[in-house]
Protein backbone atom coordinates (compact mmCIF):
# COMPACT_ATOMS: atom_id res chain seq x y z
CA MET A 1 -29.94 130.10 111.61
CA SER A 2 -27.39 127.30 111.18
CA LEU A 3 -27.98 124.22 109.05
CA ALA A 4 -28.22 122.09 112.20
CA GLU A 5 -30.86 124.40 113.68
CA SER A 6 -32.79 124.43 110.40
CA LEU A 7 -32.76 120.63 110.19
CA LEU A 8 -33.96 120.32 113.78
CA GLU A 9 -36.77 122.78 113.12
CA LEU A 10 -37.79 120.73 110.07
CA ALA A 11 -37.59 117.56 112.19
CA GLN A 12 -39.95 119.11 114.70
CA GLN A 13 -42.33 120.14 111.91
CA SER A 14 -42.11 116.56 110.60
CA GLY A 15 -43.35 115.14 113.89
CA ALA A 16 -40.09 114.24 115.63
CA LYS A 17 -40.98 111.93 118.50
CA ASP A 18 -37.93 112.71 120.65
CA LEU A 19 -36.26 116.01 119.77
CA PRO A 20 -33.28 115.55 122.14
CA VAL A 21 -32.38 112.34 120.28
CA CYS A 22 -32.50 114.30 117.01
CA GLU A 23 -30.39 117.10 118.49
CA LYS A 24 -27.71 114.67 119.65
CA ALA A 25 -27.60 112.87 116.29
CA VAL A 26 -27.25 116.12 114.35
CA ALA A 27 -24.63 117.52 116.74
CA ASP A 28 -22.58 114.30 116.63
CA ALA A 29 -22.75 114.21 112.82
CA SER A 30 -21.63 117.82 112.63
CA VAL A 31 -18.62 117.22 114.89
CA GLU A 32 -17.70 114.03 113.00
CA GLN A 33 -18.23 115.71 109.60
CA ARG A 34 -20.90 113.23 108.55
CA SER A 35 -24.22 113.90 106.86
CA MET A 36 -26.51 115.63 109.34
CA VAL A 37 -29.52 114.72 107.21
CA ASN A 38 -28.62 111.02 107.25
CA ALA A 39 -27.91 111.11 110.99
CA LEU A 40 -31.27 112.71 111.63
CA LEU A 41 -33.13 110.19 109.48
CA GLU A 42 -31.25 107.26 111.04
CA THR A 43 -32.75 108.14 114.43
CA GLY A 44 -36.12 106.96 113.14
CA GLN A 45 -37.70 109.93 114.90
CA VAL A 46 -39.15 111.64 111.81
CA ASP A 47 -41.42 110.56 108.99
CA GLU A 48 -39.07 110.62 105.99
CA LYS A 49 -41.74 111.54 103.46
CA ILE A 50 -42.94 114.50 105.51
CA PHE A 51 -39.34 115.53 106.18
CA ALA A 52 -38.50 115.39 102.45
CA HIS A 53 -41.47 117.66 101.71
CA LYS A 54 -40.53 120.12 104.45
CA LEU A 55 -36.89 120.18 103.33
CA GLY A 56 -37.94 120.59 99.70
CA GLU A 57 -40.23 123.49 100.58
CA SER A 58 -37.50 125.22 102.56
CA LEU A 59 -34.94 124.88 99.74
CA GLY A 60 -37.24 125.30 96.74
CA LEU A 61 -36.45 121.78 95.52
CA PRO A 62 -39.02 119.42 94.02
CA VAL A 63 -39.92 116.23 95.88
CA TRP A 64 -40.48 112.97 94.02
CA GLU A 65 -44.04 111.72 94.24
CA GLY A 66 -45.15 108.17 93.65
CA GLU A 67 -43.33 105.01 92.78
CA ILE A 68 -39.72 105.02 91.70
CA PRO A 69 -39.58 103.81 88.09
CA PRO A 70 -37.03 101.21 86.99
CA ILE A 71 -33.89 102.60 85.41
CA PRO A 72 -33.72 101.66 81.72
CA ALA A 73 -30.54 99.94 80.52
CA PRO A 74 -29.15 102.90 78.50
CA LEU A 75 -29.30 105.16 81.57
CA ARG A 76 -27.91 102.42 83.85
CA GLU A 77 -24.94 102.06 81.52
CA LYS A 78 -24.18 105.80 81.70
CA PHE A 79 -24.65 106.11 85.47
CA PRO A 80 -22.04 104.07 87.39
CA ALA A 81 -23.53 101.81 90.05
CA ARG A 82 -20.67 102.62 92.44
CA ILE A 83 -21.68 106.30 92.38
CA ALA A 84 -25.37 105.53 92.78
CA LEU A 85 -24.80 103.14 95.68
CA ARG A 86 -22.06 105.01 97.51
CA HIS A 87 -23.88 108.34 97.37
CA ARG A 88 -27.45 107.03 97.30
CA LEU A 89 -28.35 108.78 94.08
CA LEU A 90 -30.96 107.51 91.66
CA PRO A 91 -31.21 108.80 88.10
CA VAL A 92 -34.65 108.94 86.51
CA THR A 93 -35.24 109.02 82.76
CA PRO A 94 -35.64 112.66 81.77
CA GLY A 95 -38.37 113.98 79.52
CA GLU A 96 -37.40 115.11 76.02
CA GLY A 97 -35.04 118.08 76.24
CA GLU A 98 -35.09 118.11 80.06
CA PRO A 99 -32.14 117.81 82.46
CA LEU A 100 -31.47 114.45 84.11
CA PRO A 101 -33.54 114.17 87.30
CA VAL A 102 -31.40 112.74 90.10
CA LEU A 103 -33.17 111.62 93.25
CA CYS A 104 -31.37 112.18 96.53
CA PHE A 105 -32.31 112.39 100.19
CA ASP A 106 -29.51 114.76 101.22
CA PRO A 107 -29.20 117.88 99.08
CA PHE A 108 -26.19 118.99 101.16
CA ASP A 109 -24.04 116.01 100.12
CA HIS A 110 -21.34 117.88 98.22
CA LEU A 111 -19.29 114.71 97.65
CA ALA A 112 -22.24 113.18 95.81
CA ARG A 113 -22.61 116.29 93.66
CA GLN A 114 -18.90 116.27 92.85
CA ALA A 115 -18.96 112.56 92.03
CA LEU A 116 -21.87 113.10 89.66
CA ALA A 117 -20.20 116.09 88.02
CA GLY A 118 -17.10 113.95 87.48
CA PHE A 119 -18.80 111.74 84.92
CA TRP A 120 -22.08 113.39 83.91
CA GLY A 121 -21.52 116.19 81.43
CA GLY A 122 -25.15 117.20 81.01
CA GLU A 123 -27.52 119.22 83.12
CA THR A 124 -29.09 117.71 86.22
CA ARG A 125 -32.16 118.53 88.24
CA TRP A 126 -31.92 117.53 91.90
CA VAL A 127 -35.10 116.02 93.31
CA LEU A 128 -35.60 115.08 96.95
CA ALA A 129 -36.95 111.66 97.80
CA PRO A 130 -37.18 109.59 100.97
CA ARG A 131 -34.52 106.90 101.28
CA ARG A 132 -37.22 104.28 100.95
CA ALA A 133 -40.20 104.73 98.66
């Protein structure tokens, strides 16, 4: 099954209101080499929280629960705002001895992963989250 087909199946499981709209958005994004996840979410056809959970289950990735905590100054200073904003990544303070949790809505965004790897030398743990808490 292709990524596009998998995303559409997850959209359907997430209560997509108009599957043909989702299909067109994903197909267009694929042809234009844009994020298929973002295109699907931009349709407004799926509940983003449910979709994040379904996507997380399918990939074995954790999903952030609850409120997004503020980013403390030391972490903000290490994590460039341009990377966070451009790629929609949000670092969360890690527990003692744990990798840096990075919230994202699109785990297939390889440019975001490369951008993060370009400045963050430590371990990371990718966590799915809806675009809006």
